Amino acid sequence: MSLHKGACLCGSVTFEIEGDFEHFYLCHCHLCRKDSGSAHAANLFSSSATLRWLSGEHLVKTFDFQSSGHMKSFCTECGSALPHLQMQGTLLVVPAGCLDTELCIRPDGHIFRADKAAWDHDLEQIPKFAELPE
């Protein structure tokens, strides 16, 4: 069984997740693009892992878009995406970027590609920089 640790950007909220992830998807739906401010969200899913807040749980806010079940939890200090439970608490959703421990799994795939951003194509062909270019 895996143990993962994570935190928000400012470090006020810390947590650990015990258990394994069943799925890892890159979601291109318009809601996930809005949530992430990017081409897609990168989320891990588990129906068996447990989430334990180590610090700052009182700073975690969960937003449920129009009570639709499209949810996002975040730190109220820095805005970083954080894990949350969905589907009446039966599904743990973890933004991959909030983990501090290395993941040994790769994404299972891209989902909702029909909604992808118009500029999201052939990205592997644009220049790559190790740091901010001058």
N, C-alpha and C. Protein backbone atom coordinates (compact mmCIF):
# COMPACT_ATOMS: atom_id res chain seq x y z
N MET A 1 0.84 -1.18 0.00
CA MET A 1 0.00 0.00 0.00
C MET A 1 0.89 1.24 0.00
N SER A 2 0.53 2.22 -0.80
CA SER A 2 1.34 3.43 -0.96
C SER A 2 0.97 4.48 0.08
N LEU A 3 1.95 5.31 0.41
CA LEU A 3 1.71 6.47 1.26
C LEU A 3 2.23 7.68 0.52
N HIS A 4 1.35 8.64 0.27
CA HIS A 4 1.70 9.87 -0.43
C HIS A 4 1.49 11.04 0.50
N LYS A 5 2.38 12.01 0.41
CA LYS A 5 2.26 13.25 1.18
C LYS A 5 2.13 14.40 0.21
N GLY A 6 1.44 15.45 0.66
CA GLY A 6 1.26 16.61 -0.20
C GLY A 6 0.97 17.85 0.61
N ALA A 7 0.93 18.98 -0.11
CA ALA A 7 0.69 20.26 0.54
C ALA A 7 0.24 21.27 -0.51
N CYS A 8 -0.29 22.38 -0.01
CA CYS A 8 -0.60 23.50 -0.88
C CYS A 8 0.70 24.29 -1.13
N LEU A 9 0.64 25.28 -1.98
CA LEU A 9 1.82 26.06 -2.33
C LEU A 9 2.42 26.80 -1.14
N CYS A 10 1.57 27.39 -0.29
CA CYS A 10 2.09 28.16 0.84
C CYS A 10 2.49 27.27 2.02
N GLY A 11 2.11 25.98 1.99
CA GLY A 11 2.48 25.05 3.04
C GLY A 11 1.57 25.06 4.26
N SER A 12 0.50 25.87 4.22
CA SER A 12 -0.42 25.92 5.36
C SER A 12 -1.26 24.66 5.49
N VAL A 13 -1.55 24.02 4.37
CA VAL A 13 -2.34 22.79 4.37
C VAL A 13 -1.42 21.63 3.98
N THR A 14 -1.37 20.62 4.83
CA THR A 14 -0.60 19.41 4.52
C THR A 14 -1.49 18.20 4.73
N PHE A 15 -1.18 17.13 4.03
CA PHE A 15 -2.02 15.93 4.10
C PHE A 15 -1.21 14.71 3.72
N GLU A 16 -1.78 13.55 4.00
CA GLU A 16 -1.23 12.30 3.51
C GLU A 16 -2.37 11.43 3.01
N ILE A 17 -2.03 10.62 2.03
CA ILE A 17 -2.99 9.69 1.43
C ILE A 17 -2.39 8.30 1.52
N GLU A 18 -3.14 7.40 2.15
CA GLU A 18 -2.70 6.01 2.25
C GLU A 18 -3.57 5.17 1.33
N GLY A 19 -2.91 4.47 0.43
CA GLY A 19 -3.62 3.63 -0.51
C GLY A 19 -3.16 3.87 -1.93
N ASP A 20 -3.78 3.17 -2.84
CA ASP A 20 -3.38 3.22 -4.23
C ASP A 20 -4.43 3.94 -5.07
N PHE A 21 -3.97 4.47 -6.19
CA PHE A 21 -4.85 5.15 -7.13
C PHE A 21 -5.24 4.16 -8.23
N GLU A 22 -6.52 4.13 -8.56
CA GLU A 22 -6.99 3.24 -9.62
C GLU A 22 -6.87 3.87 -11.00
N HIS A 23 -6.99 5.20 -11.04
CA HIS A 23 -6.96 5.90 -12.33
C HIS A 23 -6.21 7.21 -12.21
N PHE A 24 -5.66 7.64 -13.35
CA PHE A 24 -4.95 8.91 -13.45
C PHE A 24 -5.29 9.46 -14.83
N TYR A 25 -6.10 10.52 -14.86
CA TYR A 25 -6.56 11.07 -16.13
C TYR A 25 -6.18 12.54 -16.29
N LEU A 26 -5.95 12.92 -17.53
CA LEU A 26 -5.76 14.31 -17.92
C LEU A 26 -7.08 14.74 -18.56
N CYS A 27 -7.82 15.60 -17.88
CA CYS A 27 -9.17 15.96 -18.33
C CYS A 27 -9.16 17.30 -19.05
N HIS A 28 -9.69 17.32 -20.26
CA HIS A 28 -9.73 18.52 -21.10
C HIS A 28 -11.10 19.18 -21.14
N CYS A 29 -12.05 18.75 -20.29
CA CYS A 29 -13.39 19.36 -20.33
C CYS A 29 -13.27 20.85 -19.99
N HIS A 30 -14.24 21.62 -20.42
CA HIS A 30 -14.16 23.07 -20.22
C HIS A 30 -14.15 23.45 -18.75
N LEU A 31 -14.78 22.66 -17.89
CA LEU A 31 -14.77 22.96 -16.46
C LEU A 31 -13.38 22.73 -15.85
N CYS A 32 -12.74 21.64 -16.21
CA CYS A 32 -11.38 21.38 -15.70
C CYS A 32 -10.37 22.38 -16.24
N ARG A 33 -10.58 22.83 -17.49
CA ARG A 33 -9.68 23.86 -18.01
C ARG A 33 -9.85 25.16 -17.22
N LYS A 34 -11.07 25.50 -16.86
CA LYS A 34 -11.31 26.70 -16.02
C LYS A 34 -10.68 26.51 -14.64
N ASP A 35 -10.91 25.33 -14.03
CA ASP A 35 -10.36 25.04 -12.70
C ASP A 35 -8.84 25.18 -12.68
N SER A 36 -8.18 24.63 -13.68
CA SER A 36 -6.73 24.57 -13.68
C SER A 36 -6.08 25.80 -14.31
N GLY A 37 -6.83 26.52 -15.16
CA GLY A 37 -6.24 27.65 -15.87
C GLY A 37 -5.26 27.18 -16.92
N SER A 38 -5.39 25.94 -17.35
CA SER A 38 -4.44 25.36 -18.28
C SER A 38 -5.18 24.49 -19.30
N ALA A 39 -4.41 23.73 -20.06
CA ALA A 39 -4.98 22.89 -21.11
C ALA A 39 -5.80 21.73 -20.56
N HIS A 40 -5.47 21.30 -19.35
CA HIS A 40 -6.18 20.17 -18.76
C HIS A 40 -5.89 20.09 -17.27
N ALA A 41 -6.71 19.36 -16.57
CA ALA A 41 -6.46 19.02 -15.17
C ALA A 41 -5.81 17.64 -15.15
N ALA A 42 -4.95 17.40 -14.17
CA ALA A 42 -4.30 16.10 -13.99
C ALA A 42 -4.74 15.57 -12.64
N ASN A 43 -5.69 14.63 -12.64
CA ASN A 43 -6.26 14.12 -11.40
C ASN A 43 -6.11 12.62 -11.24
N LEU A 44 -5.83 12.23 -10.00
CA LEU A 44 -5.75 10.83 -9.59
C LEU A 44 -7.06 10.47 -8.89
N PHE A 45 -7.50 9.23 -9.06
CA PHE A 45 -8.77 8.78 -8.50
C PHE A 45 -8.58 7.48 -7.71
N SER A 46 -9.23 7.41 -6.55
CA SER A 46 -9.19 6.19 -5.75
C SER A 46 -10.50 5.99 -5.01
N SER A 47 -10.98 4.76 -5.05
CA SER A 47 -12.18 4.42 -4.29
C SER A 47 -11.82 3.74 -2.97
N SER A 48 -10.51 3.54 -2.71
CA SER A 48 -10.11 2.83 -1.50
C SER A 48 -9.09 3.59 -0.64
N ALA A 49 -8.40 4.57 -1.19
CA ALA A 49 -7.38 5.30 -0.43
C ALA A 49 -8.05 6.21 0.61
N THR A 50 -7.31 6.50 1.67
CA THR A 50 -7.83 7.38 2.71
C THR A 50 -7.00 8.67 2.77
N LEU A 51 -7.69 9.76 2.98
CA LEU A 51 -7.09 11.09 3.09
C LEU A 51 -7.07 11.49 4.55
N ARG A 52 -5.91 11.97 5.00
CA ARG A 52 -5.79 12.48 6.37
C ARG A 52 -5.13 13.84 6.31
N TRP A 53 -5.84 14.85 6.83
CA TRP A 53 -5.28 16.19 6.90
C TRP A 53 -4.30 16.24 8.06
N LEU A 54 -3.09 16.73 7.80
CA LEU A 54 -2.07 16.85 8.86
C LEU A 54 -2.06 18.25 9.46
N SER A 55 -2.35 19.26 8.64
CA SER A 55 -2.44 20.64 9.14
C SER A 55 -3.29 21.45 8.17
N GLY A 56 -3.90 22.49 8.71
CA GLY A 56 -4.62 23.46 7.89
C GLY A 56 -5.96 23.03 7.33
N GLU A 57 -6.56 21.97 7.85
CA GLU A 57 -7.84 21.52 7.30
C GLU A 57 -8.88 22.64 7.32
N HIS A 58 -8.80 23.53 8.30
CA HIS A 58 -9.76 24.64 8.40
C HIS A 58 -9.60 25.64 7.25
N LEU A 59 -8.49 25.57 6.53
CA LEU A 59 -8.24 26.46 5.40
C LEU A 59 -8.71 25.88 4.06
N VAL A 60 -9.22 24.65 4.09
CA VAL A 60 -9.66 23.99 2.86
C VAL A 60 -11.11 24.34 2.58
N LYS A 61 -11.36 24.84 1.39
CA LYS A 61 -12.73 25.13 0.94
C LYS A 61 -13.02 24.25 -0.27
N THR A 62 -14.22 23.71 -0.31
CA THR A 62 -14.63 22.89 -1.44
C THR A 62 -15.76 23.60 -2.18
N PHE A 63 -15.58 23.74 -3.48
CA PHE A 63 -16.55 24.40 -4.34
C PHE A 63 -17.19 23.35 -5.24
N ASP A 64 -18.50 23.29 -5.25
CA ASP A 64 -19.26 22.37 -6.09
C ASP A 64 -19.99 23.23 -7.13
N PHE A 65 -19.50 23.24 -8.35
CA PHE A 65 -20.04 24.10 -9.40
C PHE A 65 -21.52 23.82 -9.64
N GLN A 66 -22.35 24.79 -9.31
CA GLN A 66 -23.80 24.73 -9.50
C GLN A 66 -24.40 23.43 -8.97
N SER A 67 -23.82 22.92 -7.87
CA SER A 67 -24.26 21.65 -7.26
C SER A 67 -24.30 20.51 -8.27
N SER A 68 -23.38 20.57 -9.25
CA SER A 68 -23.36 19.59 -10.34
C SER A 68 -22.52 18.36 -10.03
N GLY A 69 -21.73 18.42 -8.96
CA GLY A 69 -20.80 17.33 -8.68
C GLY A 69 -19.42 17.59 -9.25
N HIS A 70 -19.29 18.65 -10.08
CA HIS A 70 -17.95 19.05 -10.54
C HIS A 70 -17.37 19.89 -9.41
N MET A 71 -16.43 19.27 -8.67
CA MET A 71 -15.94 19.88 -7.44
C MET A 71 -14.46 20.20 -7.51
N LYS A 72 -14.08 21.17 -6.69
CA LYS A 72 -12.68 21.53 -6.54
C LYS A 72 -12.47 21.98 -5.11
N SER A 73 -11.44 21.44 -4.47
CA SER A 73 -11.04 21.91 -3.15
C SER A 73 -9.75 22.70 -3.30
N PHE A 74 -9.60 23.71 -2.44
CA PHE A 74 -8.42 24.56 -2.56
C PHE A 74 -8.10 25.20 -1.21
N CYS A 75 -6.87 25.66 -1.08
CA CYS A 75 -6.41 26.38 0.11
C CYS A 75 -6.93 27.81 0.00
N THR A 76 -7.57 28.30 1.06
CA THR A 76 -8.10 29.66 1.04
C THR A 76 -7.00 30.71 1.20
N GLU A 77 -5.79 30.30 1.56
CA GLU A 77 -4.67 31.23 1.66
C GLU A 77 -3.99 31.45 0.31
N CYS A 78 -3.67 30.36 -0.41
CA CYS A 78 -2.89 30.49 -1.65
C CYS A 78 -3.63 30.04 -2.90
N GLY A 79 -4.78 29.39 -2.74
CA GLY A 79 -5.58 28.97 -3.89
C GLY A 79 -5.18 27.66 -4.52
N SER A 80 -4.18 26.99 -3.98
CA SER A 80 -3.73 25.71 -4.55
C SER A 80 -4.81 24.65 -4.51
N ALA A 81 -4.89 23.86 -5.57
CA ALA A 81 -5.84 22.74 -5.65
C ALA A 81 -5.44 21.66 -4.64
N LEU A 82 -6.45 21.08 -3.99
CA LEU A 82 -6.23 20.07 -2.97
C LEU A 82 -7.18 18.89 -3.16
N PRO A 83 -6.90 17.76 -2.52
CA PRO A 83 -7.78 16.58 -2.64
C PRO A 83 -9.17 16.84 -2.09
N HIS A 84 -10.12 16.07 -2.59
CA HIS A 84 -11.48 16.13 -2.07
C HIS A 84 -12.19 14.81 -2.34
N LEU A 85 -13.26 14.62 -1.60
CA LEU A 85 -14.11 13.43 -1.79
C LEU A 85 -15.31 13.81 -2.63
N GLN A 86 -15.68 12.92 -3.53
CA GLN A 86 -16.84 13.09 -4.39
C GLN A 86 -17.73 11.87 -4.28
N MET A 87 -18.86 11.91 -4.94
CA MET A 87 -19.79 10.79 -5.01
C MET A 87 -20.13 10.26 -3.61
N GLN A 88 -20.67 11.17 -2.78
CA GLN A 88 -21.06 10.85 -1.41
C GLN A 88 -19.91 10.24 -0.60
N GLY A 89 -18.69 10.73 -0.86
CA GLY A 89 -17.54 10.29 -0.10
C GLY A 89 -16.92 8.98 -0.53
N THR A 90 -17.35 8.43 -1.67
CA THR A 90 -16.83 7.13 -2.11
C THR A 90 -15.66 7.25 -3.10
N LEU A 91 -15.36 8.45 -3.58
CA LEU A 91 -14.28 8.62 -4.56
C LEU A 91 -13.38 9.76 -4.13
N LEU A 92 -12.11 9.46 -3.92
CA LEU A 92 -11.11 10.46 -3.60
C LEU A 92 -10.49 10.96 -4.89
N VAL A 93 -10.52 12.28 -5.08
CA VAL A 93 -9.93 12.91 -6.27
C VAL A 93 -8.75 13.75 -5.80
N VAL A 94 -7.58 13.50 -6.39
CA VAL A 94 -6.36 14.16 -5.95
C VAL A 94 -5.69 14.84 -7.14
N PRO A 95 -5.59 16.18 -7.11
CA PRO A 95 -4.82 16.86 -8.16
C PRO A 95 -3.36 16.40 -8.08
N ALA A 96 -2.85 15.86 -9.16
CA ALA A 96 -1.50 15.27 -9.13
C ALA A 96 -0.43 16.27 -8.72
N GLY A 97 -0.60 17.52 -9.07
CA GLY A 97 0.41 18.54 -8.76
C GLY A 97 0.54 18.90 -7.30
N CYS A 98 -0.42 18.52 -6.46
CA CYS A 98 -0.33 18.87 -5.03
C CYS A 98 0.45 17.83 -4.23
N LEU A 99 0.83 16.73 -4.86
CA LEU A 99 1.60 15.70 -4.16
C LEU A 99 3.07 16.08 -4.09
N ASP A 100 3.69 15.83 -2.95
CA ASP A 100 5.13 16.06 -2.79
C ASP A 100 5.92 14.79 -3.04
N THR A 101 5.28 13.65 -2.89
CA THR A 101 5.95 12.37 -3.15
C THR A 101 5.86 12.06 -4.64
N GLU A 102 6.85 11.36 -5.13
CA GLU A 102 6.89 10.99 -6.55
C GLU A 102 5.83 9.95 -6.86
N LEU A 103 5.22 10.10 -8.02
CA LEU A 103 4.27 9.10 -8.50
C LEU A 103 5.00 8.08 -9.36
N CYS A 104 4.69 6.84 -9.18
CA CYS A 104 5.30 5.78 -9.99
C CYS A 104 4.37 5.35 -11.13
N ILE A 105 3.28 6.09 -11.31
CA ILE A 105 2.35 5.75 -12.38
C ILE A 105 2.27 6.90 -13.37
N ARG A 106 1.90 6.57 -14.58
CA ARG A 106 1.69 7.57 -15.63
C ARG A 106 0.19 7.70 -15.86
N PRO A 107 -0.22 8.81 -16.47
CA PRO A 107 -1.65 8.95 -16.76
C PRO A 107 -2.17 7.79 -17.61
N ASP A 108 -3.42 7.41 -17.32
CA ASP A 108 -4.09 6.37 -18.11
C ASP A 108 -4.54 6.90 -19.46
N GLY A 109 -4.75 8.21 -19.53
CA GLY A 109 -5.17 8.77 -20.81
C GLY A 109 -5.72 10.16 -20.67
N HIS A 110 -6.01 10.74 -21.82
CA HIS A 110 -6.67 12.05 -21.93
C HIS A 110 -8.17 11.79 -22.03
N ILE A 111 -8.97 12.56 -21.29
CA ILE A 111 -10.42 12.42 -21.39
C ILE A 111 -11.03 13.76 -21.80
N PHE A 112 -12.21 13.70 -22.38
CA PHE A 112 -12.94 14.87 -22.89
C PHE A 112 -12.11 15.68 -23.88
N ARG A 113 -11.43 14.97 -24.76
CA ARG A 113 -10.59 15.63 -25.78
C ARG A 113 -11.43 16.46 -26.75
N ALA A 114 -12.70 16.15 -26.89
CA ALA A 114 -13.56 16.95 -27.78
C ALA A 114 -13.67 18.39 -27.29
N ASP A 115 -13.45 18.61 -25.97
CA ASP A 115 -13.51 19.95 -25.38
C ASP A 115 -12.16 20.65 -25.30
N LYS A 116 -11.12 20.03 -25.83
CA LYS A 116 -9.77 20.59 -25.64
C LYS A 116 -9.67 22.00 -26.20
N ALA A 117 -8.74 22.76 -25.64
CA ALA A 117 -8.49 24.14 -26.08
C ALA A 117 -8.00 24.14 -27.53
N ALA A 118 -8.40 25.16 -28.28
CA ALA A 118 -8.03 25.26 -29.70
C ALA A 118 -6.52 25.29 -29.89
N TRP A 119 -5.78 25.82 -28.94
CA TRP A 119 -4.33 25.92 -29.06
C TRP A 119 -3.60 24.66 -28.58
N ASP A 120 -4.35 23.69 -28.08
CA ASP A 120 -3.77 22.47 -27.52
C ASP A 120 -3.57 21.41 -28.61
N HIS A 121 -2.55 21.60 -29.43
CA HIS A 121 -2.20 20.61 -30.46
C HIS A 121 -0.73 20.77 -30.82
N ASP A 122 -0.09 19.69 -31.14
CA ASP A 122 1.31 19.67 -31.54
C ASP A 122 2.24 20.37 -30.53
N LEU A 123 1.91 20.30 -29.26
CA LEU A 123 2.70 21.01 -28.25
C LEU A 123 4.10 20.42 -28.08
N GLU A 124 4.25 19.14 -28.42
CA GLU A 124 5.59 18.54 -28.30
C GLU A 124 6.56 19.12 -29.32
N GLN A 125 6.06 19.86 -30.30
CA GLN A 125 6.91 20.42 -31.35
C GLN A 125 7.37 21.86 -31.07
N ILE A 126 6.85 22.51 -30.04
CA ILE A 126 7.27 23.89 -29.76
C ILE A 126 8.55 23.87 -28.95
N PRO A 127 9.32 24.98 -28.95
CA PRO A 127 10.60 25.00 -28.23
C PRO A 127 10.43 24.66 -26.76
N LYS A 128 11.48 24.05 -26.19
CA LYS A 128 11.50 23.65 -24.78
C LYS A 128 12.67 24.35 -24.10
N PHE A 129 12.43 24.83 -22.89
CA PHE A 129 13.45 25.56 -22.13
C PHE A 129 13.55 24.95 -20.74
N ALA A 130 14.77 24.81 -20.22
CA ALA A 130 14.97 24.28 -18.88
C ALA A 130 14.52 25.29 -17.82
N GLU A 131 14.57 26.58 -18.15
CA GLU A 131 14.18 27.65 -17.25
C GLU A 131 13.46 28.73 -18.05
N LEU A 132 13.07 29.80 -17.40
CA LEU A 132 12.42 30.91 -18.08
C LEU A 132 13.36 31.48 -19.14
N PRO A 133 12.94 31.55 -20.40
CA PRO A 133 13.85 32.07 -21.45
C PRO A 133 14.11 33.56 -21.25
N GLU A 134 15.26 33.99 -21.74
CA GLU A 134 15.63 35.41 -21.62
C GLU A 134 14.98 36.22 -22.71
